[in-house]
Amino acid sequence: MGKISVSNIRVYAYHGCLKEESINGSDYRVDVEVEADLAKAALSDHLKDTVDYVLINYIVKEEMAIKSKLLEHVAKRILDRIFKECSTVDSGNVTVSKINPPINGDVEMVSINLQLSR
């Protein structure tokens, strides 16, 4: 087993329950970690034998572009797509963070973390 992490994927998206959030948008940070059997890739040196982190980045950007009220919903969609498109992934961990959330306070970011296994 091994882990692959794609950290600090930065996107601008339109998530939130407030009307202004779906119109004005916000900056987001997404961190993804997946567990998979990396033994074959370690021996073969072939991309087809591992989890392509370029694909993970692409999935995150596509799913973040779809408006949602809750960050939990976005994280679940990201993990569902990873499981669907990356057959070697056994489990995943996604953190979605909203930078400078509109919550009337001096808050750098709010984050949710979702962990799922096949």
PDB file of N, CA and C in Angstrom:
ATOM      1  N   MET A   1       0.831  -1.186   0.000  1.00  0.00           N
ATOM      2  CA  MET A   1       0.000   0.000   0.000  1.00  0.00           C
ATOM      3  C   MET A   1       0.871   1.243   0.000  1.00  0.00           C
ATOM      4  N   GLY A   2       0.302   2.309  -0.480  1.00  0.00           N
ATOM      5  CA  GLY A   2       0.992   3.588  -0.471  1.00  0.00           C
ATOM      6  C   GLY A   2      -0.018   4.716  -0.543  1.00  0.00           C
ATOM      7  N   LYS A   3       0.494   5.919  -0.418  1.00  0.00           N
ATOM      8  CA  LYS A   3      -0.369   7.103  -0.459  1.00  0.00           C
ATOM      9  C   LYS A   3       0.135   8.063  -1.525  1.00  0.00           C
ATOM     10  N   ILE A   4      -0.810   8.704  -2.172  1.00  0.00           N
ATOM     11  CA  ILE A   4      -0.507   9.780  -3.116  1.00  0.00           C
ATOM     12  C   ILE A   4      -1.298  10.992  -2.651  1.00  0.00           C
ATOM     13  N   SER A   5      -0.610  12.116  -2.521  1.00  0.00           N
ATOM     14  CA  SER A   5      -1.241  13.360  -2.072  1.00  0.00           C
ATOM     15  C   SER A   5      -1.125  14.424  -3.144  1.00  0.00           C
ATOM     16  N   VAL A   6      -2.199  15.154  -3.343  1.00  0.00           N
ATOM     17  CA  VAL A   6      -2.195  16.342  -4.194  1.00  0.00           C
ATOM     18  C   VAL A   6      -2.668  17.468  -3.282  1.00  0.00           C
ATOM     19  N   SER A   7      -1.755  18.376  -2.964  1.00  0.00           N
ATOM     20  CA  SER A   7      -2.013  19.371  -1.930  1.00  0.00           C
ATOM     21  C   SER A   7      -2.165  20.775  -2.485  1.00  0.00           C
ATOM     22  N   ASN A   8      -3.022  21.521  -1.821  1.00  0.00           N
ATOM     23  CA  ASN A   8      -3.211  22.949  -2.094  1.00  0.00           C
ATOM     24  C   ASN A   8      -3.616  23.236  -3.540  1.00  0.00           C
ATOM     25  N   ILE A   9      -4.616  22.493  -4.015  1.00  0.00           N
ATOM     26  CA  ILE A   9      -5.191  22.787  -5.328  1.00  0.00           C
ATOM     27  C   ILE A   9      -6.048  24.034  -5.130  1.00  0.00           C
ATOM     28  N   ARG A  10      -5.702  25.101  -5.813  1.00  0.00           N
ATOM     29  CA  ARG A  10      -6.403  26.372  -5.629  1.00  0.00           C
ATOM     30  C   ARG A  10      -7.388  26.602  -6.776  1.00  0.00           C
ATOM     31  N   VAL A  11      -8.633  26.904  -6.408  1.00  0.00           N
ATOM     32  CA  VAL A  11      -9.677  27.162  -7.405  1.00  0.00           C
ATOM     33  C   VAL A  11     -10.569  28.298  -6.926  1.00  0.00           C
ATOM     34  N   TYR A  12     -11.236  28.923  -7.865  1.00  0.00           N
ATOM     35  CA  TYR A  12     -12.262  29.923  -7.566  1.00  0.00           C
ATOM     36  C   TYR A  12     -13.585  29.273  -7.918  1.00  0.00           C
ATOM     37  N   ALA A  13     -14.518  29.253  -6.968  1.00  0.00           N
ATOM     38  CA  ALA A  13     -15.778  28.542  -7.194  1.00  0.00           C
ATOM     39  C   ALA A  13     -16.930  29.268  -6.508  1.00  0.00           C
ATOM     40  N   TYR A  14     -18.130  28.739  -6.705  1.00  0.00           N
ATOM     41  CA  TYR A  14     -19.363  29.410  -6.289  1.00  0.00           C
ATOM     42  C   TYR A  14     -20.211  28.513  -5.386  1.00  0.00           C
ATOM     43  N   HIS A  15     -19.661  28.095  -4.256  1.00  0.00           N
ATOM     44  CA  HIS A  15     -20.379  27.234  -3.319  1.00  0.00           C
ATOM     45  C   HIS A  15     -20.867  28.036  -2.124  1.00  0.00           C
ATOM     46  N   GLY A  16     -21.988  27.614  -1.561  1.00  0.00           N
ATOM     47  CA  GLY A  16     -22.471  28.234  -0.338  1.00  0.00           C
ATOM     48  C   GLY A  16     -23.979  28.327  -0.306  1.00  0.00           C
ATOM     49  N   CYS A  17     -24.486  28.531   0.891  1.00  0.00           N
ATOM     50  CA  CYS A  17     -25.931  28.647   1.098  1.00  0.00           C
ATOM     51  C   CYS A  17     -26.436  30.076   0.899  1.00  0.00           C
ATOM     52  N   LEU A  18     -25.522  31.048   1.008  1.00  0.00           N
ATOM     53  CA  LEU A  18     -25.918  32.445   0.830  1.00  0.00           C
ATOM     54  C   LEU A  18     -25.962  32.797  -0.654  1.00  0.00           C
ATOM     55  N   LYS A  19     -26.936  33.601  -1.035  1.00  0.00           N
ATOM     56  CA  LYS A  19     -27.103  34.000  -2.432  1.00  0.00           C
ATOM     57  C   LYS A  19     -25.840  34.661  -2.969  1.00  0.00           C
ATOM     58  N   GLU A  20     -25.200  35.511  -2.149  1.00  0.00           N
ATOM     59  CA  GLU A  20     -23.995  36.222  -2.586  1.00  0.00           C
ATOM     60  C   GLU A  20     -22.861  35.250  -2.936  1.00  0.00           C
ATOM     61  N   GLU A  21     -22.786  34.143  -2.207  1.00  0.00           N
ATOM     62  CA  GLU A  21     -21.716  33.169  -2.456  1.00  0.00           C
ATOM     63  C   GLU A  21     -21.850  32.534  -3.831  1.00  0.00           C
ATOM     64  N   SER A  22     -23.093  32.287  -4.252  1.00  0.00           N
ATOM     65  CA  SER A  22     -23.297  31.663  -5.559  1.00  0.00           C
ATOM     66  C   SER A  22     -23.166  32.667  -6.697  1.00  0.00           C
ATOM     67  N   ILE A  23     -23.170  33.959  -6.359  1.00  0.00           N
ATOM     68  CA  ILE A  23     -23.003  35.001  -7.387  1.00  0.00           C
ATOM     69  C   ILE A  23     -21.560  35.499  -7.427  1.00  0.00           C
ATOM     70  N   ASN A  24     -21.000  35.822  -6.261  1.00  0.00           N
ATOM     71  CA  ASN A  24     -19.659  36.413  -6.188  1.00  0.00           C
ATOM     72  C   ASN A  24     -18.538  35.387  -6.177  1.00  0.00           C
ATOM     73  N   GLY A  25     -18.786  34.219  -5.615  1.00  0.00           N
ATOM     74  CA  GLY A  25     -17.765  33.192  -5.543  1.00  0.00           C
ATOM     75  C   GLY A  25     -16.728  33.468  -4.472  1.00  0.00           C
ATOM     76  N   SER A  26     -15.824  32.503  -4.309  1.00  0.00           N
ATOM     77  CA  SER A  26     -14.776  32.574  -3.301  1.00  0.00           C
ATOM     78  C   SER A  26     -13.567  31.772  -3.757  1.00  0.00           C
ATOM     79  N   ASP A  27     -12.467  32.024  -3.074  1.00  0.00           N
ATOM     80  CA  ASP A  27     -11.263  31.210  -3.270  1.00  0.00           C
ATOM     81  C   ASP A  27     -11.373  29.964  -2.412  1.00  0.00           C
ATOM     82  N   TYR A  28     -10.922  28.840  -2.963  1.00  0.00           N
ATOM     83  CA  TYR A  28     -10.952  27.563  -2.264  1.00  0.00           C
ATOM     84  C   TYR A  28      -9.607  26.878  -2.365  1.00  0.00           C
ATOM     85  N   ARG A  29      -9.369  26.012  -1.396  1.00  0.00           N
ATOM     86  CA  ARG A  29      -8.193  25.143  -1.394  1.00  0.00           C
ATOM     87  C   ARG A  29      -8.707  23.720  -1.223  1.00  0.00           C
ATOM     88  N   VAL A  30      -8.194  22.796  -2.033  1.00  0.00           N
ATOM     89  CA  VAL A  30      -8.585  21.393  -1.924  1.00  0.00           C
ATOM     90  C   VAL A  30      -7.321  20.555  -1.771  1.00  0.00           C
ATOM     91  N   ASP A  31      -7.360  19.637  -0.807  1.00  0.00           N
ATOM     92  CA  ASP A  31      -6.268  18.694  -0.578  1.00  0.00           C
ATOM     93  C   ASP A  31      -6.827  17.284  -0.703  1.00  0.00           C
ATOM     94  N   VAL A  32      -6.128  16.445  -1.462  1.00  0.00           N
ATOM     95  CA  VAL A  32      -6.584  15.077  -1.708  1.00  0.00           C
ATOM     96  C   VAL A  32      -5.463  14.110  -1.347  1.00  0.00           C
ATOM     97  N   GLU A  33      -5.837  13.052  -0.644  1.00  0.00           N
ATOM     98  CA  GLU A  33      -4.897  11.965  -0.375  1.00  0.00           C
ATOM     99  C   GLU A  33      -5.621  10.660  -0.665  1.00  0.00           C
ATOM    100  N   VAL A  34      -4.991   9.802  -1.455  1.00  0.00           N
ATOM    101  CA  VAL A  34      -5.583   8.502  -1.771  1.00  0.00           C
ATOM    102  C   VAL A  34      -4.608   7.400  -1.392  1.00  0.00           C
ATOM    103  N   GLU A  35      -5.170   6.247  -1.047  1.00  0.00           N
ATOM    104  CA  GLU A  35      -4.372   5.060  -0.763  1.00  0.00           C
ATOM    105  C   GLU A  35      -4.620   4.046  -1.868  1.00  0.00           C
ATOM    106  N   ALA A  36      -3.523   3.458  -2.325  1.00  0.00           N
ATOM    107  CA  ALA A  36      -3.601   2.472  -3.396  1.00  0.00           C
ATOM    108  C   ALA A  36      -2.387   1.550  -3.305  1.00  0.00           C
ATOM    109  N   ASP A  37      -2.483   0.419  -3.962  1.00  0.00           N
ATOM    110  CA  ASP A  37      -1.347  -0.489  -4.038  1.00  0.00           C
ATOM    111  C   ASP A  37      -0.382   0.076  -5.082  1.00  0.00           C
ATOM    112  N   LEU A  38       0.758   0.561  -4.627  1.00  0.00           N
ATOM    113  CA  LEU A  38       1.743   1.182  -5.516  1.00  0.00           C
ATOM    114  C   LEU A  38       2.906   0.251  -5.845  1.00  0.00           C
ATOM    115  N   ALA A  39       2.821  -0.996  -5.414  1.00  0.00           N
ATOM    116  CA  ALA A  39       3.935  -1.936  -5.612  1.00  0.00           C
ATOM    117  C   ALA A  39       4.222  -2.180  -7.096  1.00  0.00           C
ATOM    118  N   LYS A  40       3.191  -2.374  -7.888  1.00  0.00           N
ATOM    119  CA  LYS A  40       3.383  -2.637  -9.318  1.00  0.00           C
ATOM    120  C   LYS A  40       4.052  -1.445 -10.005  1.00  0.00           C
ATOM    121  N   ALA A  41       3.587  -0.231  -9.698  1.00  0.00           N
ATOM    122  CA  ALA A  41       4.167   0.979 -10.295  1.00  0.00           C
ATOM    123  C   ALA A  41       5.616   1.166  -9.862  1.00  0.00           C
ATOM    124  N   ALA A  42       5.923   0.799  -8.627  1.00  0.00           N
ATOM    125  CA  ALA A  42       7.292   0.936  -8.128  1.00  0.00           C
ATOM    126  C   ALA A  42       8.253   0.052  -8.910  1.00  0.00           C
ATOM    127  N   LEU A  43       7.756  -1.069  -9.399  1.00  0.00           N
ATOM    128  CA  LEU A  43       8.599  -1.975 -10.189  1.00  0.00           C
ATOM    129  C   LEU A  43       8.579  -1.652 -11.681  1.00  0.00           C
ATOM    130  N   SER A  44       7.409  -1.316 -12.205  1.00  0.00           N
ATOM    131  CA  SER A  44       7.262  -1.166 -13.666  1.00  0.00           C
ATOM    132  C   SER A  44       7.701   0.186 -14.207  1.00  0.00           C
ATOM    133  N   ASP A  45       7.564   1.234 -13.400  1.00  0.00           N
ATOM    134  CA  ASP A  45       7.854   2.598 -13.840  1.00  0.00           C
ATOM    135  C   ASP A  45       6.904   3.049 -14.953  1.00  0.00           C
ATOM    136  N   HIS A  46       5.645   2.521 -14.921  1.00  0.00           N
ATOM    137  CA  HIS A  46       4.629   2.878 -15.916  1.00  0.00           C
ATOM    138  C   HIS A  46       3.477   3.629 -15.250  1.00  0.00           C
ATOM    139  N   LEU A  47       3.066   4.719 -15.879  1.00  0.00           N
ATOM    140  CA  LEU A  47       1.978   5.541 -15.356  1.00  0.00           C
ATOM    141  C   LEU A  47       0.683   4.752 -15.211  1.00  0.00           C
ATOM    142  N   LYS A  48       0.434   3.821 -16.105  1.00  0.00           N
ATOM    143  CA  LYS A  48      -0.811   3.043 -16.069  1.00  0.00           C
ATOM    144  C   LYS A  48      -0.933   2.187 -14.811  1.00  0.00           C
ATOM    145  N   ASP A  49       0.168   1.986 -14.100  1.00  0.00           N
ATOM    146  CA  ASP A  49       0.165   1.137 -12.917  1.00  0.00           C
ATOM    147  C   ASP A  49      -0.001   1.911 -11.605  1.00  0.00           C
ATOM    148  N   THR A  50      -0.210   3.220 -11.706  1.00  0.00           N
ATOM    149  CA  THR A  50      -0.342   4.032 -10.502  1.00  0.00           C
ATOM    150  C   THR A  50      -1.584   4.907 -10.579  1.00  0.00           C
ATOM    151  N   VAL A  51      -1.726   5.805  -9.645  1.00  0.00           N
ATOM    152  CA  VAL A  51      -2.820   6.782  -9.650  1.00  0.00           C
ATOM    153  C   VAL A  51      -2.249   8.068 -10.236  1.00  0.00           C
ATOM    154  N   ASP A  52      -2.810   8.510 -11.329  1.00  0.00           N
ATOM    155  CA  ASP A  52      -2.322   9.699 -12.037  1.00  0.00           C
ATOM    156  C   ASP A  52      -2.767  10.962 -11.300  1.00  0.00           C
ATOM    157  N   TYR A  53      -1.823  11.669 -10.699  1.00  0.00           N
ATOM    158  CA  TYR A  53      -2.190  12.874  -9.940  1.00  0.00           C
ATOM    159  C   TYR A  53      -2.657  13.997 -10.841  1.00  0.00           C
ATOM    160  N   VAL A  54      -2.322  13.957 -12.120  1.00  0.00           N
ATOM    161  CA  VAL A  54      -2.862  14.936 -13.075  1.00  0.00           C
ATOM    162  C   VAL A  54      -4.374  14.729 -13.202  1.00  0.00           C
ATOM    163  N   LEU A  55      -4.806  13.476 -13.222  1.00  0.00           N
ATOM    164  CA  LEU A  55      -6.238  13.164 -13.283  1.00  0.00           C
ATOM    165  C   LEU A  55      -6.942  13.616 -12.014  1.00  0.00           C
ATOM    166  N   ILE A  56      -6.321  13.409 -10.864  1.00  0.00           N
ATOM    167  CA  ILE A  56      -6.924  13.855  -9.607  1.00  0.00           C
ATOM    168  C   ILE A  56      -7.133  15.371  -9.626  1.00  0.00           C
ATOM    169  N   ASN A  57      -6.134  16.114 -10.056  1.00  0.00           N
ATOM    170  CA  ASN A  57      -6.246  17.570 -10.157  1.00  0.00           C
ATOM    171  C   ASN A  57      -7.385  17.962 -11.100  1.00  0.00           C
ATOM    172  N   TYR A  58      -7.498  17.287 -12.221  1.00  0.00           N
ATOM    173  CA  TYR A  58      -8.550  17.549 -13.203  1.00  0.00           C
ATOM    174  C   TYR A  58      -9.936  17.290 -12.599  1.00  0.00           C
ATOM    175  N   ILE A  59     -10.086  16.160 -11.897  1.00  0.00           N
ATOM    176  CA  ILE A  59     -11.356  15.818 -11.265  1.00  0.00           C
ATOM    177  C   ILE A  59     -11.748  16.894 -10.259  1.00  0.00           C
ATOM    178  N   VAL A  60     -10.804  17.314  -9.437  1.00  0.00           N
ATOM    179  CA  VAL A  60     -11.084  18.350  -8.435  1.00  0.00           C
ATOM    180  C   VAL A  60     -11.572  19.624  -9.120  1.00  0.00           C
ATOM    181  N   LYS A  61     -10.878  20.075 -10.140  1.00  0.00           N
ATOM    182  CA  LYS A  61     -11.265  21.315 -10.816  1.00  0.00           C
ATOM    183  C   LYS A  61     -12.640  21.206 -11.467  1.00  0.00           C
ATOM    184  N   GLU A  62     -12.927  20.067 -12.075  1.00  0.00           N
ATOM    185  CA  GLU A  62     -14.249  19.883 -12.696  1.00  0.00           C
ATOM    186  C   GLU A  62     -15.359  19.867 -11.658  1.00  0.00           C
ATOM    187  N   GLU A  63     -15.182  19.145 -10.576  1.00  0.00           N
ATOM    188  CA  GLU A  63     -16.227  19.050  -9.549  1.00  0.00           C
ATOM    189  C   GLU A  63     -16.389  20.361  -8.794  1.00  0.00           C
ATOM    190  N   MET A  64     -15.322  21.091  -8.583  1.00  0.00           N
ATOM    191  CA  MET A  64     -15.413  22.391  -7.914  1.00  0.00           C
ATOM    192  C   MET A  64     -16.158  23.406  -8.775  1.00  0.00           C
ATOM    193  N   ALA A  65     -16.197  23.193 -10.078  1.00  0.00           N
ATOM    194  CA  ALA A  65     -16.888  24.118 -10.987  1.00  0.00           C
ATOM    195  C   ALA A  65     -18.408  23.957 -10.934  1.00  0.00           C
ATOM    196  N   ILE A  66     -18.896  22.881 -10.314  1.00  0.00           N
ATOM    197  CA  ILE A  66     -20.337  22.637 -10.195  1.00  0.00           C
ATOM    198  C   ILE A  66     -20.811  23.222  -8.867  1.00  0.00           C
ATOM    199  N   LYS A  67     -21.726  24.190  -8.933  1.00  0.00           N
ATOM    200  CA  LYS A  67     -22.218  24.859  -7.721  1.00  0.00           C
ATOM    201  C   LYS A  67     -22.885  23.879  -6.772  1.00  0.00           C
ATOM    202  N   SER A  68     -22.567  24.052  -5.485  1.00  0.00           N
ATOM    203  CA  SER A  68     -23.199  23.280  -4.421  1.00  0.00           C
ATOM    204  C   SER A  68     -23.402  24.181  -3.221  1.00  0.00           C
ATOM    205  N   LYS A  69     -24.388  23.847  -2.411  1.00  0.00           N
ATOM    206  CA  LYS A  69     -24.595  24.605  -1.176  1.00  0.00           C
ATOM    207  C   LYS A  69     -23.570  24.208  -0.120  1.00  0.00           C
ATOM    208  N   LEU A  70     -23.258  22.904  -0.054  1.00  0.00           N
ATOM    209  CA  LEU A  70     -22.396  22.397   1.007  1.00  0.00           C
ATOM    210  C   LEU A  70     -21.072  21.863   0.473  1.00  0.00           C
ATOM    211  N   LEU A  71     -20.005  22.156   1.192  1.00  0.00           N
ATOM    212  CA  LEU A  71     -18.680  21.655   0.827  1.00  0.00           C
ATOM    213  C   LEU A  71     -18.623  20.132   0.972  1.00  0.00           C
ATOM    214  N   GLU A  72     -19.421  19.588   1.890  1.00  0.00           N
ATOM    215  CA  GLU A  72     -19.473  18.136   2.061  1.00  0.00           C
ATOM    216  C   GLU A  72     -19.939  17.459   0.769  1.00  0.00           C
ATOM    217  N   HIS A  73     -20.893  18.086   0.111  1.00  0.00           N
ATOM    218  CA  HIS A  73     -21.423  17.537  -1.140  1.00  0.00           C
ATOM    219  C   HIS A  73     -20.353  17.553  -2.232  1.00  0.00           C
ATOM    220  N   VAL A  74     -19.597  18.622  -2.293  1.00  0.00           N
ATOM    221  CA  VAL A  74     -18.511  18.724  -3.282  1.00  0.00           C
ATOM    222  C   VAL A  74     -17.458  17.654  -3.015  1.00  0.00           C
ATOM    223  N   ALA A  75     -17.065  17.495  -1.759  1.00  0.00           N
ATOM    224  CA  ALA A  75     -16.045  16.502  -1.398  1.00  0.00           C
ATOM    225  C   ALA A  75     -16.500  15.094  -1.765  1.00  0.00           C
ATOM    226  N   LYS A  76     -17.772  14.787  -1.522  1.00  0.00           N
ATOM    227  CA  LYS A  76     -18.311  13.452  -1.867  1.00  0.00           C
ATOM    228  C   LYS A  76     -18.262  13.225  -3.369  1.00  0.00           C
ATOM    229  N   ARG A  77     -18.602  14.239  -4.147  1.00  0.00           N
ATOM    230  CA  ARG A  77     -18.537  14.098  -5.612  1.00  0.00           C
ATOM    231  C   ARG A  77     -17.101  13.863  -6.068  1.00  0.00           C
ATOM    232  N   ILE A  78     -16.161  14.571  -5.470  1.00  0.00           N
ATOM    233  CA  ILE A  78     -14.750  14.392  -5.831  1.00  0.00           C
ATOM    234  C   ILE A  78     -14.320  12.951  -5.562  1.00  0.00           C
ATOM    235  N   LEU A  79     -14.632  12.438  -4.371  1.00  0.00           N
ATOM    236  CA  LEU A  79     -14.239  11.068  -4.046  1.00  0.00           C
ATOM    237  C   LEU A  79     -14.954  10.049  -4.922  1.00  0.00           C
ATOM    238  N   ASP A  80     -16.227  10.264  -5.193  1.00  0.00           N
ATOM    239  CA  ASP A  80     -16.963   9.348  -6.082  1.00  0.00           C
ATOM    240  C   ASP A  80     -16.303   9.267  -7.454  1.00  0.00           C
ATOM    241  N   ARG A  81     -15.914  10.407  -7.997  1.00  0.00           N
ATOM    242  CA  ARG A  81     -15.248  10.428  -9.318  1.00  0.00           C
ATOM    243  C   ARG A  81     -13.890   9.738  -9.267  1.00  0.00           C
ATOM    244  N   ILE A  82     -13.139   9.970  -8.202  1.00  0.00           N
ATOM    245  CA  ILE A  82     -11.837   9.319  -8.076  1.00  0.00           C
ATOM    246  C   ILE A  82     -12.013   7.801  -8.041  1.00  0.00           C
ATOM    247  N   PHE A  83     -12.972   7.314  -7.245  1.00  0.00           N
ATOM    248  CA  PHE A  83     -13.216   5.873  -7.183  1.00  0.00           C
ATOM    249  C   PHE A  83     -13.654   5.326  -8.541  1.00  0.00           C
ATOM    250  N   LYS A  84     -14.457   6.100  -9.261  1.00  0.00           N
ATOM    251  CA  LYS A  84     -14.954   5.660 -10.571  1.00  0.00           C
ATOM    252  C   LYS A  84     -13.842   5.617 -11.622  1.00  0.00           C
ATOM    253  N   GLU A  85     -12.971   6.623 -11.617  1.00  0.00           N
ATOM    254  CA  GLU A  85     -11.979   6.761 -12.685  1.00  0.00           C
ATOM    255  C   GLU A  85     -10.596   6.214 -12.340  1.00  0.00           C
ATOM    256  N   CYS A  86     -10.366   5.882 -11.088  1.00  0.00           N
ATOM    257  CA  CYS A  86      -9.065   5.359 -10.651  1.00  0.00           C
ATOM    258  C   CYS A  86      -9.308   4.031  -9.936  1.00  0.00           C
ATOM    259  N   SER A  87      -9.308   2.954 -10.683  1.00  0.00           N
ATOM    260  CA  SER A  87      -9.698   1.654 -10.129  1.00  0.00           C
ATOM    261  C   SER A  87      -8.746   1.137  -9.052  1.00  0.00           C
ATOM    262  N   THR A  88      -7.522   1.628  -9.012  1.00  0.00           N
ATOM    263  CA  THR A  88      -6.559   1.136  -8.026  1.00  0.00           C
ATOM    264  C   THR A  88      -6.703   1.812  -6.664  1.00  0.00           C
ATOM    265  N   VAL A  89      -7.501   2.871  -6.565  1.00  0.00           N
ATOM    266  CA  VAL A  89      -7.664   3.590  -5.296  1.00  0.00           C
ATOM    267  C   VAL A  89      -8.566   2.789  -4.359  1.00  0.00           C
ATOM    268  N   ASP A  90      -8.060   2.547  -3.139  1.00  0.00           N
ATOM    269  CA  ASP A  90      -8.820   1.817  -2.128  1.00  0.00           C
ATOM    270  C   ASP A  90      -9.564   2.744  -1.178  1.00  0.00           C
ATOM    271  N   SER A  91      -8.969   3.895  -0.869  1.00  0.00           N
ATOM    272  CA  SER A  91      -9.607   4.855   0.018  1.00  0.00           C
ATOM    273  C   SER A  91      -9.114   6.251  -0.326  1.00  0.00           C
ATOM    274  N   GLY A  92      -9.888   7.230   0.112  1.00  0.00           N
ATOM    275  CA  GLY A  92      -9.531   8.614  -0.188  1.00  0.00           C
ATOM    276  C   GLY A  92      -9.920   9.548   0.941  1.00  0.00           C
ATOM    277  N   ASN A  93      -9.231  10.658   0.970  1.00  0.00           N
ATOM    278  CA  ASN A  93      -9.420  11.670   1.990  1.00  0.00           C
ATOM    279  C   ASN A  93      -9.376  13.021   1.278  1.00  0.00           C
ATOM    280  N   VAL A  94     -10.453  13.795   1.368  1.00  0.00           N
ATOM    281  CA  VAL A  94     -10.528  15.093   0.699  1.00  0.00           C
ATOM    282  C   VAL A  94     -10.849  16.170   1.719  1.00  0.00           C
ATOM    283  N   THR A  95     -10.079  17.245   1.690  1.00  0.00           N
ATOM    284  CA  THR A  95     -10.365  18.419   2.503  1.00  0.00           C
ATOM    285  C   THR A  95     -10.658  19.579   1.561  1.00  0.00           C
ATOM    286  N   VAL A  96     -11.825  20.203   1.728  1.00  0.00           N
ATOM    287  CA  VAL A  96     -12.204  21.374   0.943  1.00  0.00           C
ATOM    288  C   VAL A  96     -12.257  22.555   1.907  1.00  0.00           C
ATOM    289  N   SER A  97     -11.512  23.608   1.585  1.00  0.00           N
ATOM    290  CA  SER A  97     -11.434  24.793   2.450  1.00  0.00           C
ATOM    291  C   SER A  97     -11.892  26.029   1.699  1.00  0.00           C
ATOM    292  N   LYS A  98     -12.747  26.809   2.343  1.00  0.00           N
ATOM    293  CA  LYS A  98     -13.180  28.091   1.790  1.00  0.00           C
ATOM    294  C   LYS A  98     -12.320  29.167   2.450  1.00  0.00           C
ATOM    295  N   ILE A  99     -11.602  29.929   1.616  1.00  0.00           N
ATOM    296  CA  ILE A  99     -10.707  30.976   2.106  1.00  0.00           C
ATOM    297  C   ILE A  99     -11.534  32.236   2.386  1.00  0.00           C
ATOM    298  N   ASN A 100     -11.274  32.886   3.511  1.00  0.00           N
ATOM    299  CA  ASN A 100     -11.984  34.108   3.913  1.00  0.00           C
ATOM    300  C   ASN A 100     -13.502  33.981   3.778  1.00  0.00           C
ATOM    301  N   PRO A 101     -14.117  33.054   4.513  1.00  0.00           N
ATOM    302  CA  PRO A 101     -15.563  32.856   4.392  1.00  0.00           C
ATOM    303  C   PRO A 101     -16.348  34.074   4.893  1.00  0.00           C
ATOM    304  N   PRO A 102     -17.515  34.318   4.306  1.00  0.00           N
ATOM    305  CA  PRO A 102     -18.323  35.470   4.709  1.00  0.00           C
ATOM    306  C   PRO A 102     -19.143  35.186   5.969  1.00  0.00           C
ATOM    307  N   ILE A 103     -18.469  35.118   7.123  1.00  0.00           N
ATOM    308  CA  ILE A 103     -19.176  34.759   8.356  1.00  0.00           C
ATOM    309  C   ILE A 103     -19.046  35.836   9.432  1.00  0.00           C
ATOM    310  N   ASN A 104     -18.832  37.081   9.012  1.00  0.00           N
ATOM    311  CA  ASN A 104     -18.756  38.208   9.951  1.00  0.00           C
ATOM    312  C   ASN A 104     -17.750  37.977  11.071  1.00  0.00           C
ATOM    313  N   GLY A 105     -16.551  37.580  10.688  1.00  0.00           N
ATOM    314  CA  GLY A 105     -15.483  37.374  11.660  1.00  0.00           C
ATOM    315  C   GLY A 105     -14.149  37.338  10.957  1.00  0.00           C
ATOM    316  N   ASP A 106     -13.093  37.411  11.741  1.00  0.00           N
ATOM    317  CA  ASP A 106     -11.744  37.349  11.194  1.00  0.00           C
ATOM    318  C   ASP A 106     -11.323  35.882  11.136  1.00  0.00           C
ATOM    319  N   VAL A 107     -11.770  35.205  10.073  1.00  0.00           N
ATOM    320  CA  VAL A 107     -11.527  33.779   9.915  1.00  0.00           C
ATOM    321  C   VAL A 107     -10.765  33.558   8.618  1.00  0.00           C
ATOM    322  N   GLU A 108      -9.613  32.922   8.714  1.00  0.00           N
ATOM    323  CA  GLU A 108      -8.792  32.669   7.522  1.00  0.00           C
ATOM    324  C   GLU A 108      -9.479  31.709   6.564  1.00  0.00           C
ATOM    325  N   MET A 109     -10.008  30.589   7.107  1.00  0.00           N
ATOM    326  CA  MET A 109     -10.702  29.630   6.256  1.00  0.00           C
ATOM    327  C   MET A 109     -11.508  28.674   7.115  1.00  0.00           C
ATOM    328  N   VAL A 110     -12.500  28.077   6.464  1.00  0.00           N
ATOM    329  CA  VAL A 110     -13.254  26.980   7.066  1.00  0.00           C
ATOM    330  C   VAL A 110     -13.031  25.759   6.190  1.00  0.00           C
ATOM    331  N   SER A 111     -12.967  24.589   6.820  1.00  0.00           N
ATOM    332  CA  SER A 111     -12.653  23.373   6.073  1.00  0.00           C
ATOM    333  C   SER A 111     -13.571  22.240   6.488  1.00  0.00           C
ATOM    334  N   ILE A 112     -13.840  21.362   5.532  1.00  0.00           N
ATOM    335  CA  ILE A 112     -14.486  20.097   5.841  1.00  0.00           C
ATOM    336  C   ILE A 112     -13.554  19.006   5.337  1.00  0.00           C
ATOM    337  N   ASN A 113     -13.597  17.862   5.994  1.00  0.00           N
ATOM    338  CA  ASN A 113     -12.775  16.724   5.600  1.00  0.00           C
ATOM    339  C   ASN A 113     -13.676  15.506   5.492  1.00  0.00           C
ATOM    340  N   LEU A 114     -13.572  14.806   4.379  1.00  0.00           N
ATOM    341  CA  LEU A 114     -14.368  13.605   4.148  1.00  0.00           C
ATOM    342  C   LEU A 114     -13.442  12.459   3.797  1.00  0.00           C
ATOM    343  N   GLN A 115     -13.626  11.324   4.461  1.00  0.00           N
ATOM    344  CA  GLN A 115     -12.821  10.135   4.213  1.00  0.00           C
ATOM    345  C   GLN A 115     -13.750   8.992   3.839  1.00  0.00           C
ATOM    346  N   LEU A 116     -13.460   8.336   2.723  1.00  0.00           N
ATOM    347  CA  LEU A 116     -14.267   7.211   2.270  1.00  0.00           C
ATOM    348  C   LEU A 116     -13.367   6.070   1.797  1.00  0.00           C
ATOM    349  N   SER A 117     -13.901   4.864   1.877  1.00  0.00           N
ATOM    350  CA  SER A 117     -13.219   3.679   1.360  1.00  0.00           C
ATOM    351  C   SER A 117     -14.163   2.944   0.410  1.00  0.00           C
ATOM    352  N   ARG A 118     -13.582   2.163  -0.454  1.00  0.00           N
ATOM    353  CA  ARG A 118     -14.416   1.336  -1.348  1.00  0.00           C
ATOM    354  C   ARG A 118     -15.167   0.311  -0.547  1.00  0.00           C
TER     355      ARG A 118
END
